[in-house]
Amino acid sequence: MIPGEILAGDGDITINPDRPVRHLTVRNTGDRPVQVGSHYHFAESNAALDFDRDAAWGHRLAVPAGTSVRFEPGMPRDVTLVPLAGRRIVPGLRGLAGGPLDPSPRDDIEPAGALDEDLPENGNARASARTEEHGNGRPAGHTAEHGNLPENGSAR
């Protein structure tokens, strides 16, 4: 066993069970692919990505920890977001949050489009996704890498 390694049991792993979700459509307006990691504050992602940043405030991608989503130039892509958990403090990045995320988005956040207009209301939607193991007994993604667990140690 490697320090920090997580040994998962057989079968699928449910990620983000019963977490509220938001669905957005994102388009890369740049000329190069952009990747956003699983726990990055999505509202502060690359400026070439066109989406409703106010709706994404305080949220991250609903994908397995340690993975990312790639946005190809000119191609719209639907994403699912879940709220950041834990203390909800985001230091650094692009400097939009620069600290606590609550209570609401800053006034100077880029409006950057409304590509999610035609998507269904987010209302009471909940996240419930499954990730399959790679055949080597390990799940896709890893939660302990770089200390990305909330203070209580849960993988929420």
Protein backbone atom coordinates (compact mmCIF):
# COMPACT_ATOMS: atom_id res chain seq x y z
CA MET A 1 0.00 0.00 0.00
CA ILE A 2 1.19 3.48 -0.90
CA PRO A 3 0.66 6.22 1.74
CA GLY A 4 -2.56 8.07 0.88
CA GLU A 5 -3.72 5.34 -1.49
CA ILE A 6 -7.38 4.39 -1.34
CA LEU A 7 -8.24 0.74 -1.83
CA ALA A 8 -11.83 0.49 -2.98
CA GLY A 9 -13.96 -2.62 -2.76
CA ASP A 10 -15.31 -4.42 -5.78
CA GLY A 11 -17.98 -2.81 -7.94
CA ASP A 12 -19.05 0.71 -8.72
CA ILE A 13 -18.65 3.71 -6.43
CA THR A 14 -21.44 6.30 -6.13
CA ILE A 15 -20.10 9.84 -6.14
CA ASN A 16 -21.90 12.94 -4.87
CA PRO A 17 -24.92 11.02 -3.52
CA ASP A 18 -27.93 13.27 -2.93
CA ARG A 19 -25.97 16.47 -3.63
CA PRO A 20 -27.95 19.30 -5.29
CA VAL A 21 -26.84 19.89 -8.88
CA ARG A 22 -26.82 22.57 -11.54
CA HIS A 23 -26.70 21.92 -15.27
CA LEU A 24 -24.94 24.39 -17.56
CA THR A 25 -23.88 24.49 -21.18
CA VAL A 26 -20.31 25.67 -21.69
CA ARG A 27 -18.67 26.72 -24.97
CA ASN A 28 -14.94 27.20 -25.45
CA THR A 29 -14.57 30.46 -27.40
CA GLY A 30 -10.79 30.10 -27.56
CA ASP A 31 -8.61 28.43 -30.16
CA ARG A 32 -7.10 25.79 -27.85
CA PRO A 33 -8.65 23.03 -25.72
CA VAL A 34 -9.28 23.89 -22.05
CA GLN A 35 -9.38 21.37 -19.20
CA VAL A 36 -10.98 22.05 -15.82
CA GLY A 37 -10.20 19.81 -12.85
CA SER A 38 -12.72 18.10 -10.60
CA HIS A 39 -12.43 20.41 -7.60
CA TYR A 40 -11.70 23.75 -9.30
CA HIS A 41 -14.13 26.57 -8.47
CA PHE A 42 -15.89 26.41 -11.85
CA ALA A 43 -16.96 30.08 -11.93
CA GLU A 44 -13.26 30.99 -12.01
CA SER A 45 -12.31 28.65 -14.84
CA ASN A 46 -10.59 29.84 -18.02
CA ALA A 47 -11.93 33.14 -19.40
CA ALA A 48 -12.31 31.55 -22.87
CA LEU A 49 -15.14 29.39 -21.51
CA ASP A 50 -18.53 31.00 -22.15
CA PHE A 51 -21.23 30.09 -19.59
CA ASP A 52 -23.35 31.58 -16.80
CA ARG A 53 -20.64 32.24 -14.19
CA ASP A 54 -23.14 33.52 -11.62
CA ALA A 55 -24.96 30.16 -11.74
CA ALA A 56 -21.62 28.36 -11.33
CA TRP A 57 -20.54 30.43 -8.30
CA GLY A 58 -19.56 28.16 -5.41
CA HIS A 59 -19.75 24.99 -7.52
CA ARG A 60 -17.38 22.41 -9.00
CA LEU A 61 -17.72 19.73 -11.66
CA ALA A 62 -19.66 16.62 -10.62
CA VAL A 63 -16.94 14.22 -11.79
CA PRO A 64 -14.70 11.78 -9.87
CA ALA A 65 -11.93 13.40 -7.83
CA GLY A 66 -8.67 13.76 -9.70
CA THR A 67 -10.33 13.82 -13.12
CA SER A 68 -11.11 16.73 -15.42
CA VAL A 69 -13.39 17.78 -18.27
CA ARG A 70 -11.94 18.91 -21.60
CA PHE A 71 -13.62 21.66 -23.61
CA GLU A 72 -12.74 21.67 -27.32
CA PRO A 73 -12.66 25.01 -29.20
CA GLY A 74 -16.07 26.08 -30.50
CA MET A 75 -17.87 23.02 -29.15
CA PRO A 76 -20.71 23.43 -26.62
CA ARG A 77 -20.69 20.88 -23.81
CA ASP A 78 -23.25 20.25 -21.06
CA VAL A 79 -21.83 19.90 -17.56
CA THR A 80 -23.24 19.07 -14.15
CA LEU A 81 -22.00 21.01 -11.12
CA VAL A 82 -22.28 20.37 -7.38
CA PRO A 83 -21.69 22.89 -4.56
CA LEU A 84 -18.23 23.03 -3.06
CA ALA A 85 -18.42 21.54 0.43
CA GLY A 86 -16.29 22.00 3.53
CA ARG A 87 -15.48 25.53 4.70
CA ARG A 88 -16.20 26.99 1.21
CA ILE A 89 -13.11 29.21 1.13
CA VAL A 90 -11.41 29.59 -2.26
CA PRO A 91 -8.02 31.32 -2.16
CA GLY A 92 -6.18 32.47 -5.28
CA LEU A 93 -7.20 31.03 -8.65
CA ARG A 94 -8.27 33.92 -10.93
CA GLY A 95 -8.92 36.21 -7.96
CA LEU A 96 -12.71 36.44 -8.22
CA ALA A 97 -13.49 34.77 -4.90
CA GLY A 98 -10.30 35.38 -2.97
CA GLY A 99 -11.80 33.93 0.22
CA PRO A 100 -15.23 32.80 1.48
CA LEU A 101 -17.77 31.97 -1.25
CA ASP A 102 -20.86 32.85 0.73
CA PRO A 103 -23.26 34.58 0.76
CA SER A 104 -23.40 35.39 -3.00
CA PRO A 105 -21.38 36.07 -6.16
CA ARG A 106 -19.36 39.24 -6.40
CA ASP A 107 -20.81 42.04 -8.50
CA ASP A 108 -17.78 42.16 -10.80
CA ILE A 109 -17.93 38.53 -11.96
CA GLU A 110 -18.00 38.20 -15.76
CA PRO A 111 -21.55 37.61 -17.02
CA ALA A 112 -20.14 35.60 -20.00
CA GLY A 113 -23.23 34.34 -21.73
CA ALA A 114 -26.44 32.52 -20.94
CA LEU A 115 -25.93 29.22 -22.73
CA ASP A 116 -28.01 27.36 -20.14
CA GLU A 117 -31.33 29.07 -20.96
CA ASP A 118 -32.98 26.04 -22.57
CA LEU A 119 -31.95 23.53 -19.92
CA PRO A 120 -34.51 22.27 -17.38
CA GLU A 121 -34.85 23.96 -14.02
CA ASN A 122 -32.31 22.74 -11.48
CA GLY A 123 -34.89 22.69 -8.69
CA ASN A 124 -34.66 19.53 -6.61
CA ALA A 125 -32.27 17.68 -8.91
CA ARG A 126 -29.71 15.57 -7.07
CA ALA A 127 -26.35 14.20 -8.10
CA SER A 128 -25.96 10.48 -8.20
CA ALA A 129 -23.26 9.18 -10.47
CA ARG A 130 -21.30 5.97 -10.50
CA THR A 131 -17.69 5.42 -11.42
CA GLU A 132 -16.35 2.09 -12.52
CA GLU A 133 -13.08 0.60 -11.42
CA HIS A 134 -10.24 0.32 -13.93
CA GLY A 135 -10.01 -3.47 -13.64
CA ASN A 136 -7.05 -3.18 -11.29
CA GLY A 137 -9.27 -2.79 -8.22
CA ARG A 138 -8.90 0.99 -8.23
CA PRO A 139 -11.74 3.39 -8.99
CA ALA A 140 -11.47 6.00 -11.71
CA GLY A 141 -10.07 9.06 -9.93
CA HIS A 142 -8.69 9.35 -6.43
CA THR A 143 -9.88 11.47 -3.53
CA ALA A 144 -6.88 11.69 -1.21
CA GLU A 145 -4.37 12.99 -3.75
CA HIS A 146 -3.05 16.42 -2.79
CA GLY A 147 -5.10 16.41 0.45
CA ASN A 148 -8.40 17.19 -1.27
CA LEU A 149 -10.57 15.81 1.52
CA PRO A 150 -12.68 18.07 3.74
CA GLU A 151 -11.40 18.48 7.29
CA ASN A 152 -13.63 15.69 8.63
CA GLY A 153 -12.06 13.24 6.14
CA SER A 154 -15.24 12.44 4.24
CA ALA A 155 -15.03 12.22 0.46
CA ARG A 156 -18.00 14.55 0.00
